[in-house]
PDB file of N, CA and C in Angstrom:
ATOM      1  N   MET A   1     -59.647  10.729 -11.027  1.00  0.00           N
ATOM      2  CA  MET A   1     -58.853  10.649 -12.654  1.00  0.00           C
ATOM      3  C   MET A   1     -58.155  11.930 -13.159  1.00  0.00           C
ATOM      4  N   ALA A   2     -58.380  12.983 -12.755  1.00  0.00           N
ATOM      5  CA  ALA A   2     -57.709  14.418 -12.955  1.00  0.00           C
ATOM      6  C   ALA A   2     -56.605  14.577 -11.757  1.00  0.00           C
ATOM      7  N   VAL A   3     -56.566  13.675 -10.899  1.00  0.00           N
ATOM      8  CA  VAL A   3     -55.278  13.773  -9.832  1.00  0.00           C
ATOM      9  C   VAL A   3     -54.251  12.962 -10.461  1.00  0.00           C
ATOM     10  N   LYS A   4     -54.429  11.916 -11.352  1.00  0.00           N
ATOM     11  CA  LYS A   4     -53.892  11.135 -12.273  1.00  0.00           C
ATOM     12  C   LYS A   4     -53.018  11.823 -13.515  1.00  0.00           C
ATOM     13  N   ALA A   5     -54.150  12.869 -13.743  1.00  0.00           N
ATOM     14  CA  ALA A   5     -53.646  13.083 -15.017  1.00  0.00           C
ATOM     15  C   ALA A   5     -52.594  14.756 -14.639  1.00  0.00           C
ATOM     16  N   ASN A   6     -52.632  14.965 -13.557  1.00  0.00           N
ATOM     17  CA  ASN A   6     -51.917  16.250 -12.913  1.00  0.00           C
ATOM     18  C   ASN A   6     -50.484  15.191 -12.661  1.00  0.00           C
ATOM     19  N   ASP A   7     -50.498  13.914 -11.719  1.00  0.00           N
ATOM     20  CA  ASP A   7     -49.377  13.558 -11.837  1.00  0.00           C
ATOM     21  C   ASP A   7     -48.675  13.027 -12.800  1.00  0.00           C
ATOM     22  N   ALA A   8     -49.154  12.913 -14.209  1.00  0.00           N
ATOM     23  CA  ALA A   8     -48.407  12.407 -15.102  1.00  0.00           C
ATOM     24  C   ALA A   8     -47.930  13.861 -15.752  1.00  0.00           C
ATOM     25  N   LYS A   9     -48.872  14.892 -15.783  1.00  0.00           N
ATOM     26  CA  LYS A   9     -48.270  16.602 -16.404  1.00  0.00           C
ATOM     27  C   LYS A   9     -46.897  16.688 -15.528  1.00  0.00           C
ATOM     28  N   LYS A  10     -47.019  16.800 -14.314  1.00  0.00           N
ATOM     29  CA  LYS A  10     -45.824  16.737 -13.245  1.00  0.00           C
ATOM     30  C   LYS A  10     -44.474  15.967 -13.965  1.00  0.00           C
ATOM     31  N   THR A  11     -44.787  14.956 -14.084  1.00  0.00           N
ATOM     32  CA  THR A  11     -43.702  13.760 -14.471  1.00  0.00           C
ATOM     33  C   THR A  11     -43.281  14.158 -15.685  1.00  0.00           C
ATOM     34  N   ALA A  12     -44.212  14.641 -16.184  1.00  0.00           N
ATOM     35  CA  ALA A  12     -43.800  14.800 -18.035  1.00  0.00           C
ATOM     36  C   ALA A  12     -42.553  16.252 -17.925  1.00  0.00           C
ATOM     37  N   VAL A  13     -43.541  17.067 -17.064  1.00  0.00           N
ATOM     38  CA  VAL A  13     -42.741  18.673 -16.788  1.00  0.00           C
ATOM     39  C   VAL A  13     -41.353  18.532 -16.307  1.00  0.00           C
ATOM     40  N   LYS A  14     -41.334  17.556 -15.123  1.00  0.00           N
ATOM     41  CA  LYS A  14     -39.915  17.655 -14.673  1.00  0.00           C
ATOM     42  C   LYS A  14     -39.004  16.623 -15.533  1.00  0.00           C
ATOM     43  N   ALA A  15     -39.256  15.530 -16.670  1.00  0.00           N
ATOM     44  CA  ALA A  15     -38.364  14.885 -17.470  1.00  0.00           C
ATOM     45  C   ALA A  15     -38.075  16.144 -18.348  1.00  0.00           C
ATOM     46  N   GLU A  16     -38.904  17.170 -18.753  1.00  0.00           N
ATOM     47  CA  GLU A  16     -38.385  17.683 -19.645  1.00  0.00           C
ATOM     48  C   GLU A  16     -37.526  18.873 -19.156  1.00  0.00           C
ATOM     49  N   ALA A  17     -37.433  19.305 -17.912  1.00  0.00           N
ATOM     50  CA  ALA A  17     -36.677  20.028 -17.568  1.00  0.00           C
ATOM     51  C   ALA A  17     -35.146  19.096 -17.341  1.00  0.00           C
ATOM     52  N   ALA A  18     -35.463  18.488 -17.061  1.00  0.00           N
ATOM     53  CA  ALA A  18     -33.985  17.325 -16.700  1.00  0.00           C
ATOM     54  C   ALA A  18     -33.446  17.458 -17.920  1.00  0.00           C
ATOM     55  N   LYS A  19     -34.293  17.144 -19.262  1.00  0.00           N
ATOM     56  CA  LYS A  19     -33.333  16.947 -20.327  1.00  0.00           C
ATOM     57  C   LYS A  19     -32.442  18.379 -20.818  1.00  0.00           C
ATOM     58  N   ALA A  20     -33.542  19.405 -20.650  1.00  0.00           N
ATOM     59  CA  ALA A  20     -33.182  20.967 -20.954  1.00  0.00           C
ATOM     60  C   ALA A  20     -31.841  21.387 -19.894  1.00  0.00           C
ATOM     61  N   GLU A  21     -31.807  20.964 -18.758  1.00  0.00           N
ATOM     62  CA  GLU A  21     -29.958  21.316 -18.190  1.00  0.00           C
ATOM     63  C   GLU A  21     -29.506  20.199 -18.275  1.00  0.00           C
ATOM     64  N   PRO A  22     -28.006  20.948 -18.692  1.00  0.00           N
ATOM     65  CA  PRO A  22     -27.036  20.634 -18.856  1.00  0.00           C
ATOM     66  C   PRO A  22     -26.261  19.624 -17.811  1.00  0.00           C
ATOM     67  N   ALA A  23     -25.854  18.427 -18.356  1.00  0.00           N
ATOM     68  CA  ALA A  23     -25.587  17.474 -17.802  1.00  0.00           C
ATOM     69  C   ALA A  23     -24.647  17.826 -16.116  1.00  0.00           C
ATOM     70  N   ALA A  24     -24.627  17.862 -15.114  1.00  0.00           N
ATOM     71  CA  ALA A  24     -23.901  17.806 -14.190  1.00  0.00           C
ATOM     72  C   ALA A  24     -22.249  17.611 -14.192  1.00  0.00           C
ATOM     73  N   GLU A  25     -21.392  18.042 -13.984  1.00  0.00           N
ATOM     74  CA  GLU A  25     -20.100  17.535 -14.280  1.00  0.00           C
ATOM     75  C   GLU A  25     -19.643  16.719 -12.813  1.00  0.00           C
ATOM     76  N   LYS A  26     -19.270  15.342 -13.351  1.00  0.00           N
ATOM     77  CA  LYS A  26     -19.195  14.342 -12.467  1.00  0.00           C
ATOM     78  C   LYS A  26     -17.811  14.783 -12.175  1.00  0.00           C
ATOM     79  N   LYS A  27     -17.104  14.888 -10.895  1.00  0.00           N
ATOM     80  CA  LYS A  27     -15.631  14.901 -10.387  1.00  0.00           C
ATOM     81  C   LYS A  27     -14.854  13.534  -9.968  1.00  0.00           C
ATOM     82  N   ALA A  28     -13.931  13.706 -10.949  1.00  0.00           N
ATOM     83  CA  ALA A  28     -13.376  11.908 -10.558  1.00  0.00           C
ATOM     84  C   ALA A  28     -13.135  11.932  -9.072  1.00  0.00           C
ATOM     85  N   PRO A  29     -13.319  10.493  -8.582  1.00  0.00           N
ATOM     86  CA  PRO A  29     -12.731  10.398  -7.557  1.00  0.00           C
ATOM     87  C   PRO A  29     -11.412  10.638  -6.882  1.00  0.00           C
ATOM     88  N   ALA A  30     -11.451  11.002  -5.613  1.00  0.00           N
ATOM     89  CA  ALA A  30      -9.712  11.228  -5.636  1.00  0.00           C
ATOM     90  C   ALA A  30      -9.217  10.261  -5.301  1.00  0.00           C
ATOM     91  N   LYS A  31      -8.046  10.009  -5.780  1.00  0.00           N
ATOM     92  CA  LYS A  31      -7.050   9.087  -5.334  1.00  0.00           C
ATOM     93  C   LYS A  31      -6.450   8.871  -4.568  1.00  0.00           C
ATOM     94  N   LYS A  32      -6.459   7.796  -3.850  1.00  0.00           N
ATOM     95  CA  LYS A  32      -5.829   7.439  -2.401  1.00  0.00           C
ATOM     96  C   LYS A  32      -4.179   7.650  -3.019  1.00  0.00           C
ATOM     97  N   VAL A  33      -3.529   8.308  -2.368  1.00  0.00           N
ATOM     98  CA  VAL A  33      -2.177   8.443  -2.420  1.00  0.00           C
ATOM     99  C   VAL A  33      -1.197   8.061  -1.146  1.00  0.00           C
ATOM    100  N   ASP A  34      -0.763   6.866  -0.882  1.00  0.00           N
ATOM    101  CA  ASP A  34      -0.077   6.551   0.253  1.00  0.00           C
ATOM    102  C   ASP A  34       1.555   7.510   0.495  1.00  0.00           C
ATOM    103  N   PRO A  35       1.793   8.243   1.387  1.00  0.00           N
ATOM    104  CA  PRO A  35       2.740   9.014   1.560  1.00  0.00           C
ATOM    105  C   PRO A  35       3.949   8.207   1.431  1.00  0.00           C
ATOM    106  N   LYS A  36       5.319   9.195   1.028  1.00  0.00           N
ATOM    107  CA  LYS A  36       6.276   8.125   1.018  1.00  0.00           C
ATOM    108  C   LYS A  36       7.068   7.806   2.330  1.00  0.00           C
ATOM    109  N   THR A  37       7.471   7.237   2.975  1.00  0.00           N
ATOM    110  CA  THR A  37       7.801   6.705   4.039  1.00  0.00           C
ATOM    111  C   THR A  37       9.144   6.383   3.852  1.00  0.00           C
ATOM    112  N   SER A  38      10.182   6.680   4.767  1.00  0.00           N
ATOM    113  CA  SER A  38      11.374   5.817   4.954  1.00  0.00           C
ATOM    114  C   SER A  38      11.546   5.805   7.014  1.00  0.00           C
ATOM    115  N   ILE A  39      12.515   4.911   7.164  1.00  0.00           N
ATOM    116  CA  ILE A  39      12.876   4.315   8.104  1.00  0.00           C
ATOM    117  C   ILE A  39      14.664   4.511   8.281  1.00  0.00           C
ATOM    118  N   VAL A  40      15.103   5.360   9.199  1.00  0.00           N
ATOM    119  CA  VAL A  40      16.355   5.562   9.155  1.00  0.00           C
ATOM    120  C   VAL A  40      16.580   5.007  10.615  1.00  0.00           C
ATOM    121  N   ILE A  41      17.658   4.445  11.029  1.00  0.00           N
ATOM    122  CA  ILE A  41      18.050   3.907  12.400  1.00  0.00           C
ATOM    123  C   ILE A  41      19.512   4.138  12.575  1.00  0.00           C
ATOM    124  N   GLU A  42      19.661   5.563  13.531  1.00  0.00           N
ATOM    125  CA  GLU A  42      21.209   5.955  13.898  1.00  0.00           C
ATOM    126  C   GLU A  42      21.506   5.780  15.468  1.00  0.00           C
ATOM    127  N   TYR A  43      22.493   5.217  15.217  1.00  0.00           N
ATOM    128  CA  TYR A  43      23.533   4.316  16.421  1.00  0.00           C
ATOM    129  C   TYR A  43      24.968   4.331  16.115  1.00  0.00           C
ATOM    130  N   ALA A  44      25.701   4.485  16.928  1.00  0.00           N
ATOM    131  CA  ALA A  44      26.693   4.845  16.696  1.00  0.00           C
ATOM    132  C   ALA A  44      27.515   5.335  15.446  1.00  0.00           C
ATOM    133  N   ASP A  45      27.358   6.795  15.612  1.00  0.00           N
ATOM    134  CA  ASP A  45      27.468   7.681  14.469  1.00  0.00           C
ATOM    135  C   ASP A  45      27.063   6.125  12.917  1.00  0.00           C
ATOM    136  N   LYS A  46      25.942   6.069  12.954  1.00  0.00           N
ATOM    137  CA  LYS A  46      26.060   5.018  11.964  1.00  0.00           C
ATOM    138  C   LYS A  46      24.134   5.411  11.351  1.00  0.00           C
ATOM    139  N   LYS A  47      23.924   5.731  10.059  1.00  0.00           N
ATOM    140  CA  LYS A  47      22.645   5.652  10.086  1.00  0.00           C
ATOM    141  C   LYS A  47      21.908   4.523   9.054  1.00  0.00           C
ATOM    142  N   ILE A  48      21.227   3.750   9.257  1.00  0.00           N
ATOM    143  CA  ILE A  48      20.544   2.350   8.578  1.00  0.00           C
ATOM    144  C   ILE A  48      19.614   2.970   7.923  1.00  0.00           C
ATOM    145  N   GLU A  49      19.400   2.747   6.580  1.00  0.00           N
ATOM    146  CA  GLU A  49      17.644   2.479   5.928  1.00  0.00           C
ATOM    147  C   GLU A  49      17.209   0.734   6.385  1.00  0.00           C
ATOM    148  N   ALA A  50      16.416   1.570   7.065  1.00  0.00           N
ATOM    149  CA  ALA A  50      15.010  -0.269   6.769  1.00  0.00           C
ATOM    150  C   ALA A  50      15.305  -0.603   5.422  1.00  0.00           C
ATOM    151  N   LYS A  51      14.593   0.036   5.049  1.00  0.00           N
ATOM    152  CA  LYS A  51      14.414  -0.599   2.965  1.00  0.00           C
ATOM    153  C   LYS A  51      15.788  -0.929   2.838  1.00  0.00           C
ATOM    154  N   LYS A  52      16.682  -0.656   3.167  1.00  0.00           N
ATOM    155  CA  LYS A  52      17.971  -1.239   2.716  1.00  0.00           C
ATOM    156  C   LYS A  52      18.057  -2.199   3.190  1.00  0.00           C
ATOM    157  N   VAL A  53      18.109  -2.420   4.484  1.00  0.00           N
ATOM    158  CA  VAL A  53      18.158  -3.880   5.167  1.00  0.00           C
ATOM    159  C   VAL A  53      17.439  -5.023   4.832  1.00  0.00           C
ATOM    160  N   ILE A  54      16.135  -4.668   4.660  1.00  0.00           N
ATOM    161  CA  ILE A  54      15.023  -5.610   3.751  1.00  0.00           C
ATOM    162  C   ILE A  54      15.060  -6.161   2.556  1.00  0.00           C
ATOM    163  N   ALA A  55      15.865  -5.274   2.058  1.00  0.00           N
ATOM    164  CA  ALA A  55      15.875  -5.510   0.520  1.00  0.00           C
ATOM    165  C   ALA A  55      17.518  -6.779   0.584  1.00  0.00           C
ATOM    166  N   ALA A  56      18.478  -6.252   1.521  1.00  0.00           N
ATOM    167  CA  ALA A  56      19.840  -6.820   1.710  1.00  0.00           C
ATOM    168  C   ALA A  56      19.120  -8.327   2.148  1.00  0.00           C
ATOM    169  N   ALA A  57      18.048  -8.392   2.999  1.00  0.00           N
ATOM    170  CA  ALA A  57      17.970  -9.688   3.335  1.00  0.00           C
ATOM    171  C   ALA A  57      17.081 -10.341   2.602  1.00  0.00           C
ATOM    172  N   THR A  58      16.200  -9.991   1.622  1.00  0.00           N
ATOM    173  CA  THR A  58      15.516 -10.416   0.889  1.00  0.00           C
ATOM    174  C   THR A  58      16.363 -11.077  -0.492  1.00  0.00           C
ATOM    175  N   LYS A  59      17.246 -10.099  -0.548  1.00  0.00           N
ATOM    176  CA  LYS A  59      18.192 -10.922  -1.952  1.00  0.00           C
ATOM    177  C   LYS A  59      19.594 -12.323  -1.074  1.00  0.00           C
ATOM    178  N   ALA A  60      19.524 -11.890  -0.010  1.00  0.00           N
ATOM    179  CA  ALA A  60      20.077 -12.825   0.692  1.00  0.00           C
ATOM    180  C   ALA A  60      19.795 -14.550   0.634  1.00  0.00           C
ATOM    181  N   TYR A  61      18.240 -13.879   1.409  1.00  0.00           N
ATOM    182  CA  TYR A  61      17.449 -15.364   1.098  1.00  0.00           C
ATOM    183  C   TYR A  61      17.321 -15.977   0.319  1.00  0.00           C
ATOM    184  N   LYS A  62      16.832 -15.172  -1.394  1.00  0.00           N
ATOM    185  CA  LYS A  62      16.429 -15.383  -2.499  1.00  0.00           C
ATOM    186  C   LYS A  62      18.034 -16.626  -3.123  1.00  0.00           C
ATOM    187  N   LYS A  63      19.061 -15.900  -2.570  1.00  0.00           N
ATOM    188  CA  LYS A  63      20.040 -16.305  -3.142  1.00  0.00           C
ATOM    189  C   LYS A  63      20.450 -17.892  -2.882  1.00  0.00           C
ATOM    190  N   VAL A  64      20.084 -18.384  -1.866  1.00  0.00           N
ATOM    191  CA  VAL A  64      19.983 -19.541  -0.779  1.00  0.00           C
ATOM    192  C   VAL A  64      19.111 -20.540  -1.359  1.00  0.00           C
ATOM    193  N   ASN A  65      17.679 -19.594  -1.275  1.00  0.00           N
ATOM    194  CA  ASN A  65      16.683 -20.310  -1.548  1.00  0.00           C
ATOM    195  C   ASN A  65      15.748 -20.187  -3.230  1.00  0.00           C
ATOM    196  N   LYS A  66      16.608 -20.613  -3.682  1.00  0.00           N
ATOM    197  CA  LYS A  66      16.116 -19.920  -5.311  1.00  0.00           C
ATOM    198  C   LYS A  66      14.574 -20.914  -5.686  1.00  0.00           C
ATOM    199  N   GLY A  67      14.294 -19.767  -6.381  1.00  0.00           N
ATOM    200  CA  GLY A  67      12.878 -20.088  -6.703  1.00  0.00           C
ATOM    201  C   GLY A  67      11.546 -20.178  -5.791  1.00  0.00           C
ATOM    202  N   GLU A  68      11.990 -19.895  -4.496  1.00  0.00           N
ATOM    203  CA  GLU A  68      11.192 -19.911  -2.910  1.00  0.00           C
ATOM    204  C   GLU A  68      10.310 -18.934  -3.284  1.00  0.00           C
ATOM    205  N   VAL A  69       8.393 -18.697  -2.816  1.00  0.00           N
ATOM    206  CA  VAL A  69       7.919 -17.564  -2.993  1.00  0.00           C
ATOM    207  C   VAL A  69       7.972 -16.560  -2.069  1.00  0.00           C
ATOM    208  N   ILE A  70       8.569 -16.057  -1.729  1.00  0.00           N
ATOM    209  CA  ILE A  70       8.546 -14.672  -0.507  1.00  0.00           C
ATOM    210  C   ILE A  70       7.127 -14.263   0.114  1.00  0.00           C
ATOM    211  N   LYS A  71       6.563 -14.370   1.101  1.00  0.00           N
ATOM    212  CA  LYS A  71       5.395 -14.271   1.410  1.00  0.00           C
ATOM    213  C   LYS A  71       5.306 -13.285   2.849  1.00  0.00           C
ATOM    214  N   LYS A  72       6.344 -13.508   3.721  1.00  0.00           N
ATOM    215  CA  LYS A  72       6.668 -12.274   4.742  1.00  0.00           C
ATOM    216  C   LYS A  72       7.735 -12.801   5.281  1.00  0.00           C
ATOM    217  N   VAL A  73       8.364 -11.162   5.574  1.00  0.00           N
ATOM    218  CA  VAL A  73       9.704 -10.834   5.532  1.00  0.00           C
ATOM    219  C   VAL A  73       9.423  -9.914   6.967  1.00  0.00           C
ATOM    220  N   GLU A  74      10.913 -10.680   8.252  1.00  0.00           N
ATOM    221  CA  GLU A  74      10.830  -9.688   9.105  1.00  0.00           C
ATOM    222  C   GLU A  74      11.699  -9.769   9.267  1.00  0.00           C
ATOM    223  N   VAL A  75      12.719  -8.605  10.054  1.00  0.00           N
ATOM    224  CA  VAL A  75      13.572  -7.999  10.318  1.00  0.00           C
ATOM    225  C   VAL A  75      13.723  -7.433  11.483  1.00  0.00           C
ATOM    226  N   TYR A  76      15.123  -8.299  12.290  1.00  0.00           N
ATOM    227  CA  TYR A  76      15.540  -7.872  13.533  1.00  0.00           C
ATOM    228  C   TYR A  76      16.769  -6.861  13.760  1.00  0.00           C
ATOM    229  N   ILE A  77      16.705  -5.657  13.524  1.00  0.00           N
ATOM    230  CA  ILE A  77      18.168  -5.080  13.636  1.00  0.00           C
ATOM    231  C   ILE A  77      18.754  -4.861  15.022  1.00  0.00           C
ATOM    232  N   LYS A  78      19.913  -5.361  14.784  1.00  0.00           N
ATOM    233  CA  LYS A  78      20.795  -5.389  16.253  1.00  0.00           C
ATOM    234  C   LYS A  78      21.912  -4.577  16.240  1.00  0.00           C
ATOM    235  N   PRO A  79      21.705  -3.186  16.231  1.00  0.00           N
ATOM    236  CA  PRO A  79      22.917  -2.430  15.659  1.00  0.00           C
ATOM    237  C   PRO A  79      24.302  -2.392  16.650  1.00  0.00           C
ATOM    238  N   GLU A  80      24.044  -3.166  17.751  1.00  0.00           N
ATOM    239  CA  GLU A  80      25.227  -3.491  18.536  1.00  0.00           C
ATOM    240  C   GLU A  80      26.138  -4.580  18.324  1.00  0.00           C
ATOM    241  N   GLU A  81      25.307  -5.542  17.180  1.00  0.00           N
ATOM    242  CA  GLU A  81      25.747  -6.360  16.448  1.00  0.00           C
ATOM    243  C   GLU A  81      26.529  -6.107  15.147  1.00  0.00           C
ATOM    244  N   ASN A  82      26.425  -4.947  14.870  1.00  0.00           N
ATOM    245  CA  ASN A  82      26.240  -4.685  13.230  1.00  0.00           C
ATOM    246  C   ASN A  82      25.719  -5.352  12.432  1.00  0.00           C
ATOM    247  N   VAL A  83      24.346  -6.012  12.809  1.00  0.00           N
ATOM    248  CA  VAL A  83      23.955  -6.894  11.882  1.00  0.00           C
ATOM    249  C   VAL A  83      22.421  -7.273  11.972  1.00  0.00           C
ATOM    250  N   ALA A  84      21.603  -7.400  10.832  1.00  0.00           N
ATOM    251  CA  ALA A  84      20.291  -7.639  11.307  1.00  0.00           C
ATOM    252  C   ALA A  84      19.572  -8.993  11.022  1.00  0.00           C
ATOM    253  N   TYR A  85      18.748  -9.639  11.634  1.00  0.00           N
ATOM    254  CA  TYR A  85      18.682 -11.007  11.827  1.00  0.00           C
ATOM    255  C   TYR A  85      16.925 -11.061  10.605  1.00  0.00           C
ATOM    256  N   TYR A  86      16.849 -11.757   9.728  1.00  0.00           N
ATOM    257  CA  TYR A  86      15.928 -11.874   9.070  1.00  0.00           C
ATOM    258  C   TYR A  86      14.803 -13.609   9.222  1.00  0.00           C
ATOM    259  N   VAL A  87      13.933 -13.523   9.234  1.00  0.00           N
ATOM    260  CA  VAL A  87      12.744 -14.614   9.728  1.00  0.00           C
ATOM    261  C   VAL A  87      12.257 -14.087   8.050  1.00  0.00           C
ATOM    262  N   VAL A  88      11.900 -15.354   6.870  1.00  0.00           N
ATOM    263  CA  VAL A  88      11.202 -15.299   6.066  1.00  0.00           C
ATOM    264  C   VAL A  88      10.208 -16.407   5.631  1.00  0.00           C
ATOM    265  N   ASN A  89       9.082 -16.205   5.904  1.00  0.00           N
ATOM    266  CA  ASN A  89       7.814 -17.199   5.728  1.00  0.00           C
ATOM    267  C   ASN A  89       7.879 -17.938   6.938  1.00  0.00           C
ATOM    268  N   GLY A  90       8.182 -17.143   7.906  1.00  0.00           N
ATOM    269  CA  GLY A  90       8.105 -18.112   9.252  1.00  0.00           C
ATOM    270  C   GLY A  90       9.592 -19.242   9.149  1.00  0.00           C
ATOM    271  N   LYS A  91      10.585 -18.892   8.621  1.00  0.00           N
ATOM    272  CA  LYS A  91      11.607 -19.520   8.834  1.00  0.00           C
ATOM    273  C   LYS A  91      12.893 -18.759   9.310  1.00  0.00           C
ATOM    274  N   ALA A  92      13.588 -19.502  10.505  1.00  0.00           N
ATOM    275  CA  ALA A  92      14.477 -18.428  11.554  1.00  0.00           C
ATOM    276  C   ALA A  92      15.883 -19.776  11.163  1.00  0.00           C
ATOM    277  N   SER A  93      17.085 -18.686  11.207  1.00  0.00           N
ATOM    278  CA  SER A  93      18.326 -19.636  11.091  1.00  0.00           C
ATOM    279  C   SER A  93      19.405 -18.600  11.712  1.00  0.00           C
ATOM    280  N   ASP A  94      20.195 -18.752  12.644  1.00  0.00           N
ATOM    281  CA  ASP A  94      21.346 -17.719  12.943  1.00  0.00           C
ATOM    282  C   ASP A  94      22.179 -17.535  11.758  1.00  0.00           C
ATOM    283  N   ASP A  95      22.027 -18.347  11.140  1.00  0.00           N
ATOM    284  CA  ASP A  95      22.546 -18.128   9.552  1.00  0.00           C
ATOM    285  C   ASP A  95      22.000 -17.028   8.599  1.00  0.00           C
ATOM    286  N   TYR A  96      20.828 -16.779   9.205  1.00  0.00           N
ATOM    287  CA  TYR A  96      20.026 -15.799   8.220  1.00  0.00           C
ATOM    288  C   TYR A  96      19.921 -14.177   8.990  1.00  0.00           C
ATOM    289  N   LYS A  97      21.068 -13.879   8.420  1.00  0.00           N
ATOM    290  CA  LYS A  97      21.731 -12.405   9.366  1.00  0.00           C
ATOM    291  C   LYS A  97      22.010 -11.969   7.737  1.00  0.00           C
ATOM    292  N   VAL A  98      22.162  -9.998   7.940  1.00  0.00           N
ATOM    293  CA  VAL A  98      22.898  -9.730   7.027  1.00  0.00           C
ATOM    294  C   VAL A  98      23.854  -8.466   7.791  1.00  0.00           C
ATOM    295  N   GLU A  99      24.815  -8.000   7.390  1.00  0.00           N
ATOM    296  CA  GLU A  99      25.830  -7.403   7.853  1.00  0.00           C
ATOM    297  C   GLU A  99      25.433  -5.811   7.466  1.00  0.00           C
ATOM    298  N   LEU A 100      25.769  -4.842   8.788  1.00  0.00           N
ATOM    299  CA  LEU A 100      24.755  -3.522   8.444  1.00  0.00           C
ATOM    300  C   LEU A 100      25.650  -2.598   7.758  1.00  0.00           C
TER     301      LEU A 100
END
């Protein structure tokens, strides 16, 4: 029984010490920050920004296919033809192109 009484006293002392200590400051978890990126294609003294080509392809597709939800866009840039072909939701066509 003396052992149990000693254990109880130790537990009580630890609890009192924990109450007396100020709460440890918690650090806020570091926020994940994605780096800003850009892709620029240079060809024959031209600069083509990939994000602008994707935006133009998406806009052209929405103009023809009103109300359709776009889940996936693939863009194939052909600088020698001065066009970018796009595939939206797996649908492709020779008409799906934007001028660069």
